[in-house]
Amino acid sequence: MKKLFGLVAAFVLSFSVQAVQLKEGVHYEVISDQATEKPEVKEFFSYYCPHCFSFEPLADRLKDSSKENGFEFKKSHVDFLRAAGPEIQEMLTRALVTADRLNAPQASTAIFKYIHRERAVFTKEKDIRNLFILNGVEGEKFDKAFNSFAVKAAARKMKKEQDELSRRRVLTSVPTFIVNGKYKIISTSFEAKTYDELFSKIEEAALQLVKKS
């Protein structure tokens, strides 16, 4: 009986999420006339942001559903939080890119936990390197990737996009989700009693906007 009730509840929640009719200016805003060449959902976040840490399950869901729904999920680290200096935050941007290049998502997760659960502090590159090593990445591979031209260039690109969106007052807080470079999801517009319900609604909004011209 409990299993049956759970299935019914899941069906009702799924139906309610699917039934959401997105409204411009309420659930999303148009931030550009031009869309990206390929469909994408991009999350702007900071490792120092506790809400971003709470939203990691949503990021995982979007990443998991990206292939079957024909889009790419990307993460972009920002450096405007006051929890640490710009130099350390820039290093963490490179750490994000490094984790992606080395296919080591566990290292990115470990950075979140290091800050928000262990209450530890990054003070230098060695701290980041040690965390990667503890999470299965060889030191030499980390050094080569972290200090490579490609990783530094990717970090500069994130910074440039961040500054441009901030200048236009599009990016004022994190986490912020932007779809196809054209639609900014207004996450606070969705009413929900639980994080799971909220994530389902934001995910459905992202999937609808990915297909919107």
N, C-alpha and C. Protein backbone atom coordinates (compact mmCIF):
# COMPACT_ATOMS: atom_id res chain seq x y z
N MET A 1 0.83 -1.20 0.00
CA MET A 1 0.00 0.00 0.00
C MET A 1 0.86 1.26 0.00
N LYS A 2 1.93 1.24 0.82
CA LYS A 2 2.82 2.40 0.87
C LYS A 2 3.48 2.63 -0.48
N LYS A 3 3.86 1.51 -1.14
CA LYS A 3 4.49 1.61 -2.45
C LYS A 3 3.54 2.21 -3.46
N LEU A 4 2.27 1.77 -3.40
CA LEU A 4 1.25 2.29 -4.31
C LEU A 4 1.03 3.77 -4.08
N PHE A 5 0.97 4.17 -2.80
CA PHE A 5 0.77 5.59 -2.47
C PHE A 5 1.93 6.42 -3.01
N GLY A 6 3.16 5.87 -2.88
CA GLY A 6 4.33 6.59 -3.37
C GLY A 6 4.28 6.80 -4.86
N LEU A 7 3.83 5.76 -5.58
CA LEU A 7 3.73 5.87 -7.03
C LEU A 7 2.70 6.90 -7.44
N VAL A 8 1.56 6.91 -6.73
CA VAL A 8 0.50 7.89 -7.02
C VAL A 8 0.99 9.30 -6.74
N ALA A 9 1.68 9.47 -5.61
CA ALA A 9 2.20 10.79 -5.26
C ALA A 9 3.19 11.27 -6.28
N ALA A 10 4.05 10.37 -6.74
CA ALA A 10 5.06 10.73 -7.75
C ALA A 10 4.38 11.14 -9.04
N PHE A 11 3.30 10.42 -9.40
CA PHE A 11 2.58 10.73 -10.64
C PHE A 11 1.93 12.11 -10.54
N VAL A 12 1.32 12.39 -9.37
CA VAL A 12 0.66 13.69 -9.18
C VAL A 12 1.67 14.81 -9.26
N LEU A 13 2.83 14.63 -8.60
CA LEU A 13 3.87 15.66 -8.64
C LEU A 13 4.37 15.85 -10.06
N SER A 14 4.61 14.75 -10.77
CA SER A 14 5.09 14.84 -12.14
C SER A 14 4.09 15.58 -13.01
N PHE A 15 2.81 15.27 -12.84
CA PHE A 15 1.77 15.92 -13.65
C PHE A 15 1.70 17.40 -13.36
N SER A 16 1.82 17.77 -12.05
CA SER A 16 1.72 19.18 -11.69
C SER A 16 2.89 19.98 -12.25
N VAL A 17 4.10 19.33 -12.28
CA VAL A 17 5.26 20.01 -12.82
C VAL A 17 5.11 20.19 -14.33
N GLN A 18 4.68 19.11 -15.00
CA GLN A 18 4.52 19.18 -16.44
C GLN A 18 3.49 20.21 -16.85
N ALA A 19 2.49 20.45 -15.95
CA ALA A 19 1.38 21.33 -16.30
C ALA A 19 1.74 22.81 -16.15
N VAL A 20 2.92 23.11 -15.62
CA VAL A 20 3.30 24.51 -15.41
C VAL A 20 3.41 25.22 -16.76
N GLN A 21 2.72 26.32 -16.88
CA GLN A 21 2.78 27.14 -18.08
C GLN A 21 3.72 28.32 -17.82
N LEU A 22 4.84 28.32 -18.50
CA LEU A 22 5.82 29.37 -18.26
C LEU A 22 5.34 30.70 -18.83
N LYS A 23 5.56 31.76 -18.05
CA LYS A 23 5.19 33.10 -18.49
C LYS A 23 6.42 34.00 -18.46
N GLU A 24 6.65 34.68 -19.56
CA GLU A 24 7.77 35.63 -19.64
C GLU A 24 7.55 36.74 -18.62
N GLY A 25 8.60 37.10 -17.93
CA GLY A 25 8.50 38.13 -16.91
C GLY A 25 8.10 37.60 -15.55
N VAL A 26 7.64 36.35 -15.52
CA VAL A 26 7.26 35.71 -14.26
C VAL A 26 8.22 34.57 -13.94
N HIS A 27 8.30 33.61 -14.86
CA HIS A 27 9.16 32.45 -14.66
C HIS A 27 10.52 32.58 -15.34
N TYR A 28 10.61 33.46 -16.31
CA TYR A 28 11.87 33.68 -17.00
C TYR A 28 11.87 35.06 -17.63
N GLU A 29 13.04 35.53 -17.97
CA GLU A 29 13.17 36.79 -18.68
C GLU A 29 14.10 36.62 -19.87
N VAL A 30 13.82 37.34 -20.92
CA VAL A 30 14.66 37.29 -22.12
C VAL A 30 15.82 38.26 -21.92
N ILE A 31 17.04 37.76 -22.05
CA ILE A 31 18.21 38.59 -21.79
C ILE A 31 19.02 38.86 -23.06
N SER A 32 18.62 38.24 -24.18
CA SER A 32 19.36 38.43 -25.43
C SER A 32 18.45 38.13 -26.61
N ASP A 33 18.73 38.80 -27.72
CA ASP A 33 17.99 38.52 -28.95
C ASP A 33 18.54 37.28 -29.65
N GLN A 34 19.80 36.96 -29.37
CA GLN A 34 20.46 35.85 -30.04
C GLN A 34 20.62 34.66 -29.08
N ALA A 35 20.32 33.48 -29.58
CA ALA A 35 20.53 32.27 -28.80
C ALA A 35 21.89 31.68 -29.13
N THR A 36 22.39 30.82 -28.28
CA THR A 36 23.64 30.13 -28.55
C THR A 36 23.47 29.21 -29.75
N GLU A 37 24.59 28.90 -30.39
CA GLU A 37 24.53 28.06 -31.59
C GLU A 37 23.94 26.69 -31.29
N LYS A 38 24.30 26.13 -30.12
CA LYS A 38 23.77 24.84 -29.70
C LYS A 38 23.00 25.01 -28.39
N PRO A 39 21.95 24.21 -28.18
CA PRO A 39 21.16 24.31 -26.95
C PRO A 39 22.02 24.04 -25.73
N GLU A 40 21.83 24.84 -24.69
CA GLU A 40 22.60 24.65 -23.47
C GLU A 40 21.85 25.20 -22.26
N VAL A 41 22.17 24.66 -21.12
CA VAL A 41 21.73 25.21 -19.84
C VAL A 41 22.99 25.48 -19.05
N LYS A 42 23.17 26.71 -18.63
CA LYS A 42 24.39 27.08 -17.91
C LYS A 42 24.05 27.59 -16.51
N GLU A 43 24.72 27.01 -15.53
CA GLU A 43 24.54 27.46 -14.15
C GLU A 43 25.73 28.31 -13.73
N PHE A 44 25.46 29.54 -13.35
CA PHE A 44 26.48 30.41 -12.76
C PHE A 44 26.42 30.19 -11.24
N PHE A 45 27.56 29.88 -10.66
CA PHE A 45 27.58 29.52 -9.24
C PHE A 45 28.92 29.91 -8.61
N SER A 46 28.98 29.76 -7.30
CA SER A 46 30.24 29.92 -6.58
C SER A 46 30.36 28.80 -5.56
N TYR A 47 31.56 28.28 -5.41
CA TYR A 47 31.79 27.27 -4.39
C TYR A 47 31.53 27.83 -2.99
N TYR A 48 31.63 29.15 -2.85
CA TYR A 48 31.43 29.76 -1.54
C TYR A 48 29.96 30.02 -1.23
N CYS A 49 29.09 29.77 -2.17
CA CYS A 49 27.65 30.04 -2.01
C CYS A 49 26.95 28.82 -1.41
N PRO A 50 26.37 28.93 -0.20
CA PRO A 50 25.68 27.78 0.39
C PRO A 50 24.47 27.33 -0.40
N HIS A 51 23.76 28.29 -1.03
CA HIS A 51 22.61 27.93 -1.85
C HIS A 51 23.06 27.12 -3.07
N CYS A 52 24.19 27.47 -3.63
CA CYS A 52 24.72 26.72 -4.77
C CYS A 52 25.03 25.28 -4.36
N PHE A 53 25.55 25.11 -3.16
CA PHE A 53 25.82 23.77 -2.65
C PHE A 53 24.52 22.98 -2.52
N SER A 54 23.47 23.66 -2.03
CA SER A 54 22.16 23.02 -1.89
C SER A 54 21.56 22.65 -3.24
N PHE A 55 21.92 23.42 -4.28
CA PHE A 55 21.37 23.20 -5.62
C PHE A 55 22.16 22.17 -6.43
N GLU A 56 23.20 21.58 -5.87
CA GLU A 56 23.98 20.59 -6.59
C GLU A 56 23.16 19.40 -7.09
N PRO A 57 22.17 18.93 -6.32
CA PRO A 57 21.33 17.84 -6.86
C PRO A 57 20.61 18.24 -8.15
N LEU A 58 20.19 19.51 -8.25
CA LEU A 58 19.56 19.98 -9.48
C LEU A 58 20.57 19.99 -10.62
N ALA A 59 21.78 20.44 -10.33
CA ALA A 59 22.84 20.43 -11.36
C ALA A 59 23.07 19.01 -11.86
N ASP A 60 23.08 18.05 -10.94
CA ASP A 60 23.27 16.65 -11.34
C ASP A 60 22.12 16.16 -12.20
N ARG A 61 20.90 16.56 -11.86
CA ARG A 61 19.73 16.16 -12.64
C ARG A 61 19.79 16.72 -14.05
N LEU A 62 20.17 17.98 -14.15
CA LEU A 62 20.26 18.61 -15.47
C LEU A 62 21.35 17.96 -16.32
N LYS A 63 22.46 17.64 -15.67
CA LYS A 63 23.54 16.98 -16.40
C LYS A 63 23.10 15.61 -16.89
N ASP A 64 22.38 14.88 -16.04
CA ASP A 64 21.92 13.54 -16.40
C ASP A 64 20.91 13.56 -17.54
N SER A 65 20.06 14.59 -17.57
CA SER A 65 19.00 14.64 -18.59
C SER A 65 19.42 15.37 -19.86
N SER A 66 20.63 15.91 -19.88
CA SER A 66 21.05 16.74 -21.01
C SER A 66 21.13 15.97 -22.33
N LYS A 67 21.68 14.78 -22.30
CA LYS A 67 21.87 14.03 -23.55
C LYS A 67 20.54 13.64 -24.18
N GLU A 68 19.65 13.09 -23.39
CA GLU A 68 18.38 12.63 -23.96
C GLU A 68 17.48 13.79 -24.37
N ASN A 69 17.76 14.98 -23.86
CA ASN A 69 16.94 16.14 -24.22
C ASN A 69 17.66 17.10 -25.16
N GLY A 70 18.81 16.71 -25.66
CA GLY A 70 19.47 17.46 -26.72
C GLY A 70 20.08 18.79 -26.35
N PHE A 71 20.65 18.88 -25.15
CA PHE A 71 21.35 20.12 -24.78
C PHE A 71 22.60 19.77 -23.98
N GLU A 72 23.46 20.76 -23.79
CA GLU A 72 24.66 20.59 -22.98
C GLU A 72 24.50 21.35 -21.68
N PHE A 73 24.83 20.70 -20.57
CA PHE A 73 24.79 21.39 -19.28
C PHE A 73 26.19 21.87 -18.93
N LYS A 74 26.29 23.14 -18.57
CA LYS A 74 27.58 23.73 -18.24
C LYS A 74 27.51 24.43 -16.88
N LYS A 75 28.65 24.51 -16.23
CA LYS A 75 28.76 25.27 -14.98
C LYS A 75 29.81 26.36 -15.17
N SER A 76 29.54 27.54 -14.62
CA SER A 76 30.47 28.65 -14.74
C SER A 76 30.66 29.27 -13.36
N HIS A 77 31.89 29.29 -12.88
CA HIS A 77 32.19 29.78 -11.53
C HIS A 77 32.40 31.29 -11.53
N VAL A 78 31.79 31.96 -10.57
CA VAL A 78 31.92 33.42 -10.46
C VAL A 78 32.90 33.78 -9.34
N ASP A 79 33.35 35.02 -9.34
CA ASP A 79 34.35 35.43 -8.34
C ASP A 79 33.94 36.67 -7.55
N PHE A 80 32.62 36.97 -7.53
CA PHE A 80 32.22 38.22 -6.88
C PHE A 80 31.70 38.06 -5.45
N LEU A 81 31.78 36.86 -4.88
CA LEU A 81 31.40 36.71 -3.48
C LEU A 81 32.53 37.21 -2.59
N ARG A 82 32.18 37.70 -1.43
CA ARG A 82 33.18 38.31 -0.55
C ARG A 82 33.79 37.32 0.44
N ALA A 83 33.48 36.04 0.27
CA ALA A 83 33.97 35.04 1.22
C ALA A 83 35.47 34.80 1.09
N ALA A 84 36.02 35.16 -0.07
CA ALA A 84 37.46 34.97 -0.30
C ALA A 84 37.94 36.02 -1.29
N GLY A 85 39.23 36.21 -1.36
CA GLY A 85 39.80 37.18 -2.27
C GLY A 85 39.68 36.73 -3.72
N PRO A 86 39.78 37.66 -4.66
CA PRO A 86 39.65 37.33 -6.08
C PRO A 86 40.68 36.32 -6.57
N GLU A 87 41.89 36.32 -5.97
CA GLU A 87 42.92 35.39 -6.42
C GLU A 87 42.53 33.95 -6.11
N ILE A 88 42.02 33.71 -4.91
CA ILE A 88 41.59 32.36 -4.53
C ILE A 88 40.38 31.94 -5.35
N GLN A 89 39.45 32.85 -5.56
CA GLN A 89 38.27 32.51 -6.33
C GLN A 89 38.62 32.20 -7.79
N GLU A 90 39.63 32.90 -8.30
CA GLU A 90 40.08 32.60 -9.67
C GLU A 90 40.70 31.21 -9.72
N MET A 91 41.42 30.83 -8.66
CA MET A 91 41.99 29.49 -8.60
C MET A 91 40.89 28.44 -8.58
N LEU A 92 39.81 28.73 -7.89
CA LEU A 92 38.71 27.77 -7.83
C LEU A 92 37.97 27.69 -9.17
N THR A 93 37.98 28.78 -9.93
CA THR A 93 37.45 28.72 -11.28
C THR A 93 38.28 27.76 -12.11
N ARG A 94 39.59 27.86 -11.99
CA ARG A 94 40.47 26.94 -12.71
C ARG A 94 40.33 25.52 -12.19
N ALA A 95 40.02 25.39 -10.89
CA ALA A 95 39.80 24.05 -10.33
C ALA A 95 38.58 23.40 -10.95
N LEU A 96 37.52 24.20 -11.16
CA LEU A 96 36.31 23.68 -11.82
C LEU A 96 36.64 23.18 -13.22
N VAL A 97 37.37 23.98 -13.98
CA VAL A 97 37.73 23.61 -15.35
C VAL A 97 38.63 22.37 -15.34
N THR A 98 39.56 22.34 -14.39
CA THR A 98 40.47 21.20 -14.27
C THR A 98 39.71 19.91 -13.97
N ALA A 99 38.77 19.99 -13.05
CA ALA A 99 37.97 18.81 -12.70
C ALA A 99 37.20 18.32 -13.92
N ASP A 100 36.71 19.25 -14.72
CA ASP A 100 35.98 18.88 -15.93
C ASP A 100 36.91 18.25 -16.96
N ARG A 101 38.08 18.85 -17.16
CA ARG A 101 39.03 18.34 -18.15
C ARG A 101 39.56 16.95 -17.78
N LEU A 102 39.71 16.72 -16.47
CA LEU A 102 40.25 15.43 -16.01
C LEU A 102 39.15 14.43 -15.69
N ASN A 103 37.91 14.81 -16.00
CA ASN A 103 36.76 13.94 -15.72
C ASN A 103 36.78 13.50 -14.25
N ALA A 104 36.90 14.48 -13.36
CA ALA A 104 36.96 14.21 -11.93
C ALA A 104 35.92 15.04 -11.19
N PRO A 105 34.62 14.77 -11.43
CA PRO A 105 33.57 15.54 -10.75
C PRO A 105 33.63 15.42 -9.24
N GLN A 106 34.22 14.31 -8.75
CA GLN A 106 34.32 14.13 -7.31
C GLN A 106 35.19 15.21 -6.66
N ALA A 107 36.13 15.74 -7.42
CA ALA A 107 37.00 16.80 -6.90
C ALA A 107 36.22 18.09 -6.73
N SER A 108 35.32 18.37 -7.68
CA SER A 108 34.49 19.56 -7.58
C SER A 108 33.55 19.45 -6.39
N THR A 109 32.96 18.28 -6.19
CA THR A 109 32.09 18.05 -5.04
C THR A 109 32.87 18.22 -3.74
N ALA A 110 34.11 17.75 -3.74
CA ALA A 110 34.94 17.83 -2.54
C ALA A 110 35.23 19.29 -2.16
N ILE A 111 35.35 20.18 -3.15
CA ILE A 111 35.59 21.59 -2.87
C ILE A 111 34.41 22.17 -2.10
N PHE A 112 33.20 21.87 -2.56
CA PHE A 112 31.99 22.31 -1.86
C PHE A 112 32.01 21.83 -0.41
N LYS A 113 32.27 20.54 -0.22
CA LYS A 113 32.24 19.96 1.13
C LYS A 113 33.35 20.54 2.01
N TYR A 114 34.51 20.78 1.41
CA TYR A 114 35.65 21.35 2.13
C TYR A 114 35.28 22.70 2.74
N ILE A 115 34.52 23.49 1.98
CA ILE A 115 34.14 24.83 2.42
C ILE A 115 32.95 24.81 3.37
N HIS A 116 31.90 24.05 3.01
CA HIS A 116 30.63 24.16 3.74
C HIS A 116 30.43 23.11 4.83
N ARG A 117 31.11 21.99 4.75
CA ARG A 117 30.95 20.97 5.79
C ARG A 117 32.15 20.92 6.73
N GLU A 118 33.34 20.98 6.15
CA GLU A 118 34.53 20.96 6.98
C GLU A 118 34.90 22.34 7.51
N ARG A 119 34.28 23.37 6.92
CA ARG A 119 34.56 24.76 7.32
C ARG A 119 36.04 25.08 7.20
N ALA A 120 36.66 24.52 6.18
CA ALA A 120 38.08 24.75 5.95
C ALA A 120 38.28 25.91 4.98
N VAL A 121 39.50 26.39 4.90
CA VAL A 121 39.81 27.59 4.11
C VAL A 121 40.92 27.29 3.10
N PHE A 122 40.70 27.74 1.87
CA PHE A 122 41.74 27.66 0.85
C PHE A 122 42.61 28.92 0.96
N THR A 123 43.91 28.72 1.03
CA THR A 123 44.81 29.88 1.12
C THR A 123 45.83 29.91 -0.02
N LYS A 124 46.01 28.78 -0.69
CA LYS A 124 47.01 28.71 -1.76
C LYS A 124 46.68 27.55 -2.71
N GLU A 125 47.38 27.54 -3.84
CA GLU A 125 47.15 26.50 -4.85
C GLU A 125 47.38 25.10 -4.28
N LYS A 126 48.32 24.96 -3.38
CA LYS A 126 48.64 23.66 -2.81
C LYS A 126 47.44 23.04 -2.11
N ASP A 127 46.60 23.87 -1.49
CA ASP A 127 45.41 23.36 -0.81
C ASP A 127 44.46 22.69 -1.81
N ILE A 128 44.31 23.31 -2.96
CA ILE A 128 43.45 22.76 -4.01
C ILE A 128 44.07 21.48 -4.56
N ARG A 129 45.37 21.52 -4.79
CA ARG A 129 46.09 20.35 -5.32
C ARG A 129 45.92 19.15 -4.39
N ASN A 130 46.09 19.37 -3.09
CA ASN A 130 45.98 18.29 -2.12
C ASN A 130 44.58 17.68 -2.13
N LEU A 131 43.57 18.53 -2.30
CA LEU A 131 42.19 18.05 -2.32
C LEU A 131 41.94 17.16 -3.55
N PHE A 132 42.51 17.57 -4.67
CA PHE A 132 42.39 16.75 -5.88
C PHE A 132 43.06 15.40 -5.69
N ILE A 133 44.25 15.40 -5.10
CA ILE A 133 44.98 14.15 -4.88
C ILE A 133 44.18 13.23 -3.95
N LEU A 134 43.60 13.78 -2.91
CA LEU A 134 42.80 12.99 -1.98
C LEU A 134 41.56 12.40 -2.65
N ASN A 135 41.19 12.97 -3.80
CA ASN A 135 40.02 12.49 -4.52
C ASN A 135 40.38 11.80 -5.83
N GLY A 136 41.56 11.18 -5.84
CA GLY A 136 41.91 10.27 -6.91
C GLY A 136 42.60 10.83 -8.13
N VAL A 137 43.01 12.11 -8.07
CA VAL A 137 43.69 12.71 -9.22
C VAL A 137 45.20 12.76 -8.94
N GLU A 138 45.99 12.24 -9.86
CA GLU A 138 47.44 12.26 -9.69
C GLU A 138 47.96 13.70 -9.68
N GLY A 139 48.93 13.94 -8.83
CA GLY A 139 49.48 15.28 -8.68
C GLY A 139 50.02 15.85 -9.97
N GLU A 140 50.74 15.03 -10.74
CA GLU A 140 51.32 15.49 -11.99
C GLU A 140 50.24 15.87 -13.01
N LYS A 141 49.17 15.09 -13.04
CA LYS A 141 48.08 15.39 -13.96
C LYS A 141 47.39 16.69 -13.55
N PHE A 142 47.22 16.88 -12.24
CA PHE A 142 46.62 18.13 -11.77
C PHE A 142 47.48 19.32 -12.18
N ASP A 143 48.79 19.24 -11.90
CA ASP A 143 49.71 20.35 -12.21
C ASP A 143 49.66 20.71 -13.69
N LYS A 144 49.70 19.68 -14.53
CA LYS A 144 49.72 19.92 -15.97
C LYS A 144 48.44 20.60 -16.44
N ALA A 145 47.29 20.13 -15.93
CA ALA A 145 46.02 20.70 -16.37
C ALA A 145 45.77 22.07 -15.74
N PHE A 146 45.95 22.18 -14.44
CA PHE A 146 45.62 23.40 -13.71
C PHE A 146 46.40 24.61 -14.22
N ASN A 147 47.62 24.39 -14.60
CA ASN A 147 48.47 25.50 -15.05
C ASN A 147 48.61 25.58 -16.57
N SER A 148 47.78 24.83 -17.27
CA SER A 148 47.84 24.84 -18.73
C SER A 148 47.22 26.09 -19.32
N PHE A 149 47.62 26.41 -20.52
CA PHE A 149 47.06 27.57 -21.23
C PHE A 149 45.57 27.39 -21.45
N ALA A 150 45.15 26.16 -21.79
CA ALA A 150 43.73 25.90 -22.09
C ALA A 150 42.84 26.16 -20.88
N VAL A 151 43.28 25.71 -19.71
CA VAL A 151 42.48 25.91 -18.49
C VAL A 151 42.44 27.38 -18.11
N LYS A 152 43.57 28.06 -18.21
CA LYS A 152 43.60 29.48 -17.89
C LYS A 152 42.74 30.28 -18.85
N ALA A 153 42.75 29.89 -20.12
CA ALA A 153 41.93 30.58 -21.12
C ALA A 153 40.45 30.38 -20.84
N ALA A 154 40.07 29.16 -20.46
CA ALA A 154 38.68 28.87 -20.14
C ALA A 154 38.22 29.67 -18.92
N ALA A 155 39.11 29.80 -17.94
CA ALA A 155 38.78 30.58 -16.74
C ALA A 155 38.61 32.06 -17.08
N ARG A 156 39.47 32.58 -17.96
CA ARG A 156 39.34 33.98 -18.38
C ARG A 156 38.03 34.20 -19.14
N LYS A 157 37.62 33.21 -19.93
CA LYS A 157 36.37 33.31 -20.68
C LYS A 157 35.18 33.36 -19.73
N MET A 158 35.21 32.55 -18.68
CA MET A 158 34.15 32.59 -17.67
C MET A 158 34.09 33.96 -17.01
N LYS A 159 35.25 34.48 -16.68
CA LYS A 159 35.32 35.80 -16.03
C LYS A 159 34.77 36.88 -16.94
N LYS A 160 35.12 36.83 -18.21
CA LYS A 160 34.65 37.83 -19.17
C LYS A 160 33.13 37.79 -19.30
N GLU A 161 32.58 36.58 -19.39
CA GLU A 161 31.12 36.46 -19.51
C GLU A 161 30.43 36.92 -18.23
N GLN A 162 31.02 36.57 -17.09
CA GLN A 162 30.48 37.01 -15.81
C GLN A 162 30.43 38.53 -15.73
N ASP A 163 31.51 39.18 -16.09
CA ASP A 163 31.58 40.64 -16.00
C ASP A 163 30.57 41.30 -16.94
N GLU A 164 30.39 40.73 -18.13
CA GLU A 164 29.44 41.29 -19.08
C GLU A 164 28.01 41.15 -18.57
N LEU A 165 27.66 39.99 -18.05
CA LEU A 165 26.31 39.78 -17.53
C LEU A 165 26.07 40.61 -16.27
N SER A 166 27.10 40.78 -15.47
CA SER A 166 26.97 41.61 -14.27
C SER A 166 26.77 43.07 -14.64
N ARG A 167 27.50 43.51 -15.65
CA ARG A 167 27.36 44.90 -16.11
C ARG A 167 25.95 45.19 -16.59
N ARG A 168 25.33 44.19 -17.21
CA ARG A 168 23.96 44.35 -17.71
C ARG A 168 22.91 44.05 -16.65
N ARG A 169 23.35 43.76 -15.43
CA ARG A 169 22.46 43.45 -14.30
C ARG A 169 21.65 42.18 -14.54
N VAL A 170 22.17 41.30 -15.38
CA VAL A 170 21.55 40.00 -15.59
C VAL A 170 22.00 39.04 -14.50
N LEU A 171 23.28 39.09 -14.18
CA LEU A 171 23.86 38.23 -13.16
C LEU A 171 24.10 39.04 -11.90
N THR A 172 23.19 38.90 -10.95
CA THR A 172 23.28 39.67 -9.71
C THR A 172 23.41 38.77 -8.48
N SER A 173 23.17 37.48 -8.66
CA SER A 173 23.26 36.53 -7.55
C SER A 173 23.48 35.13 -8.12
N VAL A 174 23.80 34.21 -7.25
CA VAL A 174 23.96 32.80 -7.65
C VAL A 174 23.21 31.92 -6.65
N PRO A 175 22.74 30.75 -7.11
CA PRO A 175 22.88 30.22 -8.47
C PRO A 175 21.92 30.89 -9.45
N THR A 176 22.38 31.09 -10.68
CA THR A 176 21.56 31.62 -11.76
C THR A 176 21.65 30.66 -12.94
N PHE A 177 20.49 30.33 -13.51
CA PHE A 177 20.44 29.42 -14.64
C PHE A 177 20.02 30.16 -15.90
N ILE A 178 20.84 30.07 -16.94
CA ILE A 178 20.56 30.73 -18.22
C ILE A 178 20.50 29.66 -19.31
N VAL A 179 19.43 29.72 -20.08
CA VAL A 179 19.17 28.71 -21.11
C VAL A 179 19.42 29.29 -22.50
N ASN A 180 20.23 28.60 -23.27
CA ASN A 180 20.55 28.99 -24.65
C ASN A 180 21.11 30.41 -24.76
N GLY A 181 21.67 30.91 -23.66
CA GLY A 181 22.22 32.26 -23.67
C GLY A 181 21.17 33.34 -23.84
N LYS A 182 19.90 32.94 -23.78
CA LYS A 182 18.81 33.85 -24.12
C LYS A 182 17.78 34.02 -23.01
N TYR A 183 17.59 32.98 -22.22
CA TYR A 183 16.55 33.00 -21.20
C TYR A 183 17.14 32.80 -19.81
N LYS A 184 16.81 33.70 -18.91
CA LYS A 184 17.23 33.56 -17.52
C LYS A 184 16.04 33.07 -16.71
N ILE A 185 16.22 31.92 -16.06
CA ILE A 185 15.15 31.37 -15.24
C ILE A 185 15.06 32.14 -13.93
N ILE A 186 13.86 32.54 -13.56
CA ILE A 186 13.63 33.24 -12.30
C ILE A 186 13.25 32.18 -11.27
N SER A 187 14.24 31.63 -10.62
CA SER A 187 14.04 30.49 -9.73
C SER A 187 13.10 30.80 -8.57
N THR A 188 13.10 32.03 -8.11
CA THR A 188 12.26 32.41 -6.96
C THR A 188 10.78 32.48 -7.32
N SER A 189 10.44 32.34 -8.59
CA SER A 189 9.04 32.44 -9.00
C SER A 189 8.28 31.13 -8.79
N PHE A 190 9.00 30.06 -8.52
CA PHE A 190 8.36 28.75 -8.39
C PHE A 190 8.08 28.44 -6.92
N GLU A 191 6.82 28.21 -6.61
CA GLU A 191 6.44 27.85 -5.25
C GLU A 191 6.66 26.35 -5.04
N ALA A 192 7.26 26.01 -3.92
CA ALA A 192 7.53 24.61 -3.63
C ALA A 192 7.70 24.44 -2.12
N LYS A 193 7.32 23.26 -1.64
CA LYS A 193 7.43 22.97 -0.22
C LYS A 193 8.74 22.26 0.11
N THR A 194 9.35 21.67 -0.90
CA THR A 194 10.61 20.96 -0.69
C THR A 194 11.59 21.32 -1.80
N TYR A 195 12.86 21.05 -1.54
CA TYR A 195 13.87 21.27 -2.57
C TYR A 195 13.60 20.39 -3.77
N ASP A 196 13.19 19.15 -3.53
CA ASP A 196 12.94 18.24 -4.65
C ASP A 196 11.84 18.77 -5.56
N GLU A 197 10.79 19.31 -4.97
CA GLU A 197 9.70 19.87 -5.76
C GLU A 197 10.18 21.09 -6.53
N LEU A 198 10.97 21.93 -5.87
CA LEU A 198 11.52 23.12 -6.53
C LEU A 198 12.42 22.72 -7.69
N PHE A 199 13.28 21.73 -7.47
CA PHE A 199 14.20 21.29 -8.52
C PHE A 199 13.43 20.73 -9.71
N SER A 200 12.34 20.01 -9.45
CA SER A 200 11.54 19.46 -10.53
C SER A 200 10.95 20.57 -11.39
N LYS A 201 10.51 21.64 -10.76
CA LYS A 201 9.90 22.75 -11.50
C LYS A 201 10.95 23.53 -12.30
N ILE A 202 12.10 23.76 -11.70
CA ILE A 202 13.15 24.48 -12.42
C ILE A 202 13.67 23.63 -13.58
N GLU A 203 13.81 22.34 -13.34
CA GLU A 203 14.26 21.44 -14.41
C GLU A 203 13.27 21.45 -15.57
N GLU A 204 11.98 21.38 -15.26
CA GLU A 204 10.97 21.39 -16.32
C GLU A 204 11.00 22.72 -17.07
N ALA A 205 11.21 23.83 -16.34
CA ALA A 205 11.32 25.14 -17.00
C ALA A 205 12.50 25.15 -17.96
N ALA A 206 13.63 24.60 -17.51
CA ALA A 206 14.83 24.56 -18.35
C ALA A 206 14.57 23.73 -19.61
N LEU A 207 13.90 22.59 -19.45
CA LEU A 207 13.63 21.73 -20.60
C LEU A 207 12.69 22.40 -21.59
N GLN A 208 11.73 23.16 -21.09
CA GLN A 208 10.82 23.88 -21.99
C GLN A 208 11.57 24.98 -22.73
N LEU A 209 12.42 25.71 -22.01
CA LEU A 209 13.12 26.84 -22.61
C LEU A 209 14.18 26.39 -23.61
N VAL A 210 14.78 25.22 -23.38
CA VAL A 210 15.76 24.67 -24.31
C VAL A 210 15.16 24.54 -25.70
N LYS A 211 13.87 24.19 -25.76
CA LYS A 211 13.20 23.96 -27.04
C LYS A 211 12.53 25.20 -27.59
N LYS A 212 12.58 26.29 -26.83
CA LYS A 212 11.91 27.53 -27.26
C LYS A 212 12.80 28.27 -28.24
N SER A 213 12.23 28.81 -29.31
CA SER A 213 13.02 29.51 -30.32
C SER A 213 13.38 30.91 -29.86
